[in-house]
Amino acid sequence: MNNKLKPAIIGGVVLGLLSVIPFINWANICCCLWAILGGALASYLYIKNSPVPATPGDGAILGAIAGLVGAVISVVIGIPVSILMSGVMIGIVVKLMESINPSQAEMMRTQMEAGQSVVRAIVNGLIVAVLLVIFSTLGGLIGIPIFEKRKRNVMPPPPQNFG
């Protein structure tokens, strides 16, 4: 298990940090992109250093551990960042809306500010944490067939009789 821990932690830290950095974290809107890439990265790093071919079960374990690490980072860092950045994000969305449809901008600001609270940020953070674990497990599973090129259970050819 120790040879799985290091790649999983690296993949988890990458997915966790990319998931909490403002604006960069928006890539997770696209099918939890950072989570899938973090799980796949864990699989890649494991395969690179593994003396035996990796199995889909290895990928699932690696992805799940990476997801747990990323989820912890997302909860510990992401929720406070979300609370601190919510005003900035509302301002950006409203400015964008003003350039598209000025009559709707103020209504959007009112709705976004009404939905802003610490409890909501915590609930959203916990939901994101669960999704990170699920999708990074999927990423670990996807990474095995992409990166593992060695054959499993290949028997050597039978000895030939030249006599």
C-alpha atoms as a PDB file:
ATOM      1  CA  MET A   1       0.000   0.000   0.000  1.00  0.00           C
ATOM      2  CA  ASN A   2       2.900   2.369   0.650  1.00  0.00           C
ATOM      3  CA  ASN A   3       3.838   2.422  -3.039  1.00  0.00           C
ATOM      4  CA  LYS A   4       0.287   3.709  -3.748  1.00  0.00           C
ATOM      5  CA  LEU A   5       0.247   6.348  -1.029  1.00  0.00           C
ATOM      6  CA  LYS A   6       2.826   8.757  -2.451  1.00  0.00           C
ATOM      7  CA  PRO A   7       1.312   8.965  -5.983  1.00  0.00           C
ATOM      8  CA  ALA A   8      -2.187   9.273  -4.502  1.00  0.00           C
ATOM      9  CA  ILE A   9      -1.140  12.097  -2.177  1.00  0.00           C
ATOM     10  CA  ILE A  10       0.553  13.967  -5.046  1.00  0.00           C
ATOM     11  CA  GLY A  11      -2.536  13.557  -7.242  1.00  0.00           C
ATOM     12  CA  GLY A  12      -4.761  14.644  -4.351  1.00  0.00           C
ATOM     13  CA  VAL A  13      -2.728  17.738  -3.569  1.00  0.00           C
ATOM     14  CA  VAL A  14      -2.778  18.757  -7.239  1.00  0.00           C
ATOM     15  CA  LEU A  15      -6.534  18.260  -7.561  1.00  0.00           C
ATOM     16  CA  GLY A  16      -7.189  19.905  -4.184  1.00  0.00           C
ATOM     17  CA  LEU A  17      -5.159  23.016  -4.918  1.00  0.00           C
ATOM     18  CA  LEU A  18      -6.515  23.425  -8.447  1.00  0.00           C
ATOM     19  CA  SER A  19     -10.024  23.032  -7.039  1.00  0.00           C
ATOM     20  CA  VAL A  20      -9.668  25.905  -4.551  1.00  0.00           C
ATOM     21  CA  ILE A  21      -7.765  28.532  -6.555  1.00  0.00           C
ATOM     22  CA  PRO A  22     -10.305  31.155  -7.643  1.00  0.00           C
ATOM     23  CA  PHE A  23     -11.110  31.182 -11.371  1.00  0.00           C
ATOM     24  CA  ILE A  24      -8.943  28.098 -12.003  1.00  0.00           C
ATOM     25  CA  ASN A  25     -11.434  26.105  -9.950  1.00  0.00           C
ATOM     26  CA  TRP A  26     -14.109  26.854 -12.560  1.00  0.00           C
ATOM     27  CA  ALA A  27     -12.665  24.009 -14.679  1.00  0.00           C
ATOM     28  CA  ASN A  28     -14.357  21.662 -12.182  1.00  0.00           C
ATOM     29  CA  ILE A  29     -17.673  22.825 -13.615  1.00  0.00           C
ATOM     30  CA  CYS A  30     -16.684  20.791 -16.680  1.00  0.00           C
ATOM     31  CA  CYS A  31     -17.285  17.254 -15.332  1.00  0.00           C
ATOM     32  CA  CYS A  32     -15.064  17.795 -12.289  1.00  0.00           C
ATOM     33  CA  LEU A  33     -12.030  18.131 -14.572  1.00  0.00           C
ATOM     34  CA  TRP A  34      -9.440  18.660 -11.823  1.00  0.00           C
ATOM     35  CA  ALA A  35     -10.726  15.655  -9.878  1.00  0.00           C
ATOM     36  CA  ILE A  36     -10.503  13.363 -12.913  1.00  0.00           C
ATOM     37  CA  LEU A  37      -7.035  14.663 -13.761  1.00  0.00           C
ATOM     38  CA  GLY A  38      -5.873  14.242 -10.144  1.00  0.00           C
ATOM     39  CA  GLY A  39      -6.995  10.601 -10.111  1.00  0.00           C
ATOM     40  CA  ALA A  40      -5.401   9.970 -13.500  1.00  0.00           C
ATOM     41  CA  LEU A  41      -2.178  11.635 -12.309  1.00  0.00           C
ATOM     42  CA  ALA A  42      -2.088   9.310  -9.300  1.00  0.00           C
ATOM     43  CA  SER A  43      -2.490   6.308 -11.627  1.00  0.00           C
ATOM     44  CA  TYR A  44       0.238   7.595 -13.929  1.00  0.00           C
ATOM     45  CA  LEU A  45       2.714   8.147 -11.102  1.00  0.00           C
ATOM     46  CA  TYR A  46       1.952   4.702  -9.675  1.00  0.00           C
ATOM     47  CA  ILE A  47       2.363   2.963 -13.039  1.00  0.00           C
ATOM     48  CA  LYS A  48       5.634   4.778 -13.692  1.00  0.00           C
ATOM     49  CA  ASN A  49       7.211   3.303 -10.546  1.00  0.00           C
ATOM     50  CA  SER A  50       5.389  -0.021 -10.259  1.00  0.00           C
ATOM     51  CA  PRO A  51       7.355  -3.203 -11.041  1.00  0.00           C
ATOM     52  CA  VAL A  52       4.131  -5.044 -11.937  1.00  0.00           C
ATOM     53  CA  PRO A  53       1.285  -4.019 -14.254  1.00  0.00           C
ATOM     54  CA  ALA A  54      -1.436  -1.998 -12.552  1.00  0.00           C
ATOM     55  CA  THR A  55      -5.022  -3.222 -12.404  1.00  0.00           C
ATOM     56  CA  PRO A  56      -8.286  -1.263 -12.511  1.00  0.00           C
ATOM     57  CA  GLY A  57      -8.605  -1.957  -8.779  1.00  0.00           C
ATOM     58  CA  ASP A  58      -5.279  -0.191  -8.237  1.00  0.00           C
ATOM     59  CA  GLY A  59      -6.589   2.782 -10.213  1.00  0.00           C
ATOM     60  CA  ALA A  60      -9.777   2.937  -8.144  1.00  0.00           C
ATOM     61  CA  ILE A  61      -7.818   2.835  -4.877  1.00  0.00           C
ATOM     62  CA  LEU A  62      -5.359   5.471  -6.087  1.00  0.00           C
ATOM     63  CA  GLY A  63      -8.167   7.734  -7.305  1.00  0.00           C
ATOM     64  CA  ALA A  64     -10.167   7.349  -4.094  1.00  0.00           C
ATOM     65  CA  ILE A  65      -7.168   8.211  -1.897  1.00  0.00           C
ATOM     66  CA  ALA A  66      -6.323  11.167  -4.153  1.00  0.00           C
ATOM     67  CA  GLY A  67      -9.953  12.270  -3.906  1.00  0.00           C
ATOM     68  CA  LEU A  68      -9.900  12.078  -0.126  1.00  0.00           C
ATOM     69  CA  VAL A  69      -6.726  14.173   0.030  1.00  0.00           C
ATOM     70  CA  GLY A  70      -8.218  16.672  -2.427  1.00  0.00           C
ATOM     71  CA  ALA A  71     -11.489  16.756  -0.495  1.00  0.00           C
ATOM     72  CA  VAL A  72      -9.681  17.605   2.752  1.00  0.00           C
ATOM     73  CA  ILE A  73      -7.802  20.418   0.998  1.00  0.00           C
ATOM     74  CA  SER A  74     -11.046  21.603  -0.587  1.00  0.00           C
ATOM     75  CA  VAL A  75     -12.850  21.728   2.761  1.00  0.00           C
ATOM     76  CA  VAL A  76      -9.998  23.240   4.790  1.00  0.00           C
ATOM     77  CA  ILE A  77      -8.899  25.835   2.221  1.00  0.00           C
ATOM     78  CA  GLY A  78     -11.776  26.020  -0.260  1.00  0.00           C
ATOM     79  CA  ILE A  79     -14.599  26.939   2.100  1.00  0.00           C
ATOM     80  CA  PRO A  80     -12.774  29.939   3.636  1.00  0.00           C
ATOM     81  CA  VAL A  81     -11.614  31.086   0.182  1.00  0.00           C
ATOM     82  CA  SER A  82     -15.177  30.754  -1.099  1.00  0.00           C
ATOM     83  CA  ILE A  83     -16.504  32.868   1.772  1.00  0.00           C
ATOM     84  CA  LEU A  84     -13.812  35.521   1.291  1.00  0.00           C
ATOM     85  CA  MET A  85     -14.133  35.649  -2.510  1.00  0.00           C
ATOM     86  CA  SER A  86     -17.929  35.578  -2.763  1.00  0.00           C
ATOM     87  CA  GLY A  87     -18.216  39.374  -2.974  1.00  0.00           C
ATOM     88  CA  VAL A  88     -15.609  39.536  -5.724  1.00  0.00           C
ATOM     89  CA  MET A  89     -17.320  36.764  -7.673  1.00  0.00           C
ATOM     90  CA  ILE A  90     -20.712  38.479  -7.395  1.00  0.00           C
ATOM     91  CA  GLY A  91     -19.130  41.700  -8.667  1.00  0.00           C
ATOM     92  CA  ILE A  92     -17.584  39.942 -11.669  1.00  0.00           C
ATOM     93  CA  VAL A  93     -20.799  38.156 -12.624  1.00  0.00           C
ATOM     94  CA  VAL A  94     -22.851  41.354 -12.265  1.00  0.00           C
ATOM     95  CA  LYS A  95     -20.345  43.346 -14.365  1.00  0.00           C
ATOM     96  CA  LEU A  96     -20.538  40.665 -17.040  1.00  0.00           C
ATOM     97  CA  MET A  97     -24.332  40.731 -16.875  1.00  0.00           C
ATOM     98  CA  GLU A  98     -24.354  44.548 -17.145  1.00  0.00           C
ATOM     99  CA  SER A  99     -22.499  44.304 -20.435  1.00  0.00           C
ATOM    100  CA  ILE A 100     -24.932  41.673 -21.746  1.00  0.00           C
ATOM    101  CA  ASN A 101     -28.285  42.762 -20.302  1.00  0.00           C
ATOM    102  CA  PRO A 102     -28.167  45.820 -18.004  1.00  0.00           C
ATOM    103  CA  SER A 103     -31.814  45.534 -16.975  1.00  0.00           C
ATOM    104  CA  GLN A 104     -31.189  42.087 -15.456  1.00  0.00           C
ATOM    105  CA  ALA A 105     -27.919  42.941 -13.669  1.00  0.00           C
ATOM    106  CA  GLU A 106     -29.417  44.418 -10.502  1.00  0.00           C
ATOM    107  CA  MET A 107     -31.912  41.585 -10.145  1.00  0.00           C
ATOM    108  CA  MET A 108     -29.082  39.089 -10.478  1.00  0.00           C
ATOM    109  CA  ARG A 109     -27.031  40.926  -7.831  1.00  0.00           C
ATOM    110  CA  THR A 110     -29.986  40.812  -5.413  1.00  0.00           C
ATOM    111  CA  GLN A 111     -30.528  37.087  -5.965  1.00  0.00           C
ATOM    112  CA  MET A 112     -26.837  36.229  -5.607  1.00  0.00           C
ATOM    113  CA  GLU A 113     -26.439  38.247  -2.424  1.00  0.00           C
ATOM    114  CA  ALA A 114     -29.563  36.652  -0.918  1.00  0.00           C
ATOM    115  CA  GLY A 115     -28.086  33.189  -1.497  1.00  0.00           C
ATOM    116  CA  GLN A 116     -24.747  34.101   0.077  1.00  0.00           C
ATOM    117  CA  SER A 117     -24.111  32.715   3.562  1.00  0.00           C
ATOM    118  CA  VAL A 118     -21.532  30.809   5.578  1.00  0.00           C
ATOM    119  CA  VAL A 119     -23.865  27.826   5.975  1.00  0.00           C
ATOM    120  CA  ARG A 120     -24.414  27.675   2.218  1.00  0.00           C
ATOM    121  CA  ALA A 121     -20.634  27.830   1.617  1.00  0.00           C
ATOM    122  CA  ILE A 122     -20.091  24.943   4.055  1.00  0.00           C
ATOM    123  CA  VAL A 123     -22.841  22.819   2.502  1.00  0.00           C
ATOM    124  CA  ASN A 124     -21.526  23.526  -1.006  1.00  0.00           C
ATOM    125  CA  GLY A 125     -17.988  22.726   0.152  1.00  0.00           C
ATOM    126  CA  LEU A 126     -19.076  19.348   1.543  1.00  0.00           C
ATOM    127  CA  ILE A 127     -20.954  18.516  -1.655  1.00  0.00           C
ATOM    128  CA  VAL A 128     -17.871  19.426  -3.690  1.00  0.00           C
ATOM    129  CA  ALA A 129     -15.729  17.217  -1.424  1.00  0.00           C
ATOM    130  CA  VAL A 130     -17.949  14.195  -2.098  1.00  0.00           C
ATOM    131  CA  LEU A 131     -17.889  14.895  -5.834  1.00  0.00           C
ATOM    132  CA  LEU A 132     -14.090  15.156  -5.785  1.00  0.00           C
ATOM    133  CA  VAL A 133     -13.800  11.676  -4.263  1.00  0.00           C
ATOM    134  CA  ILE A 134     -16.234  10.176  -6.781  1.00  0.00           C
ATOM    135  CA  PHE A 135     -14.704  11.775  -9.848  1.00  0.00           C
ATOM    136  CA  SER A 136     -11.087  11.241  -8.817  1.00  0.00           C
ATOM    137  CA  THR A 137     -11.884   7.547  -8.362  1.00  0.00           C
ATOM    138  CA  LEU A 138     -13.218   7.624 -11.903  1.00  0.00           C
ATOM    139  CA  GLY A 139     -10.033   9.410 -12.994  1.00  0.00           C
ATOM    140  CA  GLY A 140      -7.902   6.706 -11.386  1.00  0.00           C
ATOM    141  CA  LEU A 141      -9.894   4.047 -13.236  1.00  0.00           C
ATOM    142  CA  ILE A 142      -9.566   5.926 -16.531  1.00  0.00           C
ATOM    143  CA  GLY A 143      -5.815   6.409 -16.022  1.00  0.00           C
ATOM    144  CA  ILE A 144      -5.019   2.682 -15.902  1.00  0.00           C
ATOM    145  CA  PRO A 145      -5.934   1.779 -19.506  1.00  0.00           C
ATOM    146  CA  ILE A 146      -4.460   5.054 -20.773  1.00  0.00           C
ATOM    147  CA  PHE A 147      -1.056   4.769 -19.086  1.00  0.00           C
ATOM    148  CA  GLU A 148      -0.570   1.027 -18.435  1.00  0.00           C
ATOM    149  CA  LYS A 149       0.946  -0.487 -21.549  1.00  0.00           C
ATOM    150  CA  ARG A 150       2.384  -3.635 -19.983  1.00  0.00           C
ATOM    151  CA  LYS A 151       0.481  -6.880 -20.392  1.00  0.00           C
ATOM    152  CA  ARG A 152      -0.904  -8.656 -17.340  1.00  0.00           C
ATOM    153  CA  ASN A 153      -0.548 -12.393 -16.764  1.00  0.00           C
ATOM    154  CA  VAL A 154       1.538 -12.974 -19.858  1.00  0.00           C
ATOM    155  CA  MET A 155       2.947 -16.472 -19.773  1.00  0.00           C
ATOM    156  CA  PRO A 156       6.365 -17.064 -21.329  1.00  0.00           C
ATOM    157  CA  PRO A 157       6.294 -19.142 -24.493  1.00  0.00           C
ATOM    158  CA  PRO A 158       6.702 -22.869 -23.969  1.00  0.00           C
ATOM    159  CA  PRO A 159      10.206 -24.269 -24.433  1.00  0.00           C
ATOM    160  CA  GLN A 160      10.871 -25.510 -27.915  1.00  0.00           C
ATOM    161  CA  ASN A 161      12.336 -28.890 -28.571  1.00  0.00           C
ATOM    162  CA  PHE A 162      15.122 -28.721 -31.180  1.00  0.00           C
ATOM    163  CA  GLY A 163      16.219 -32.245 -30.908  1.00  0.00           C
END
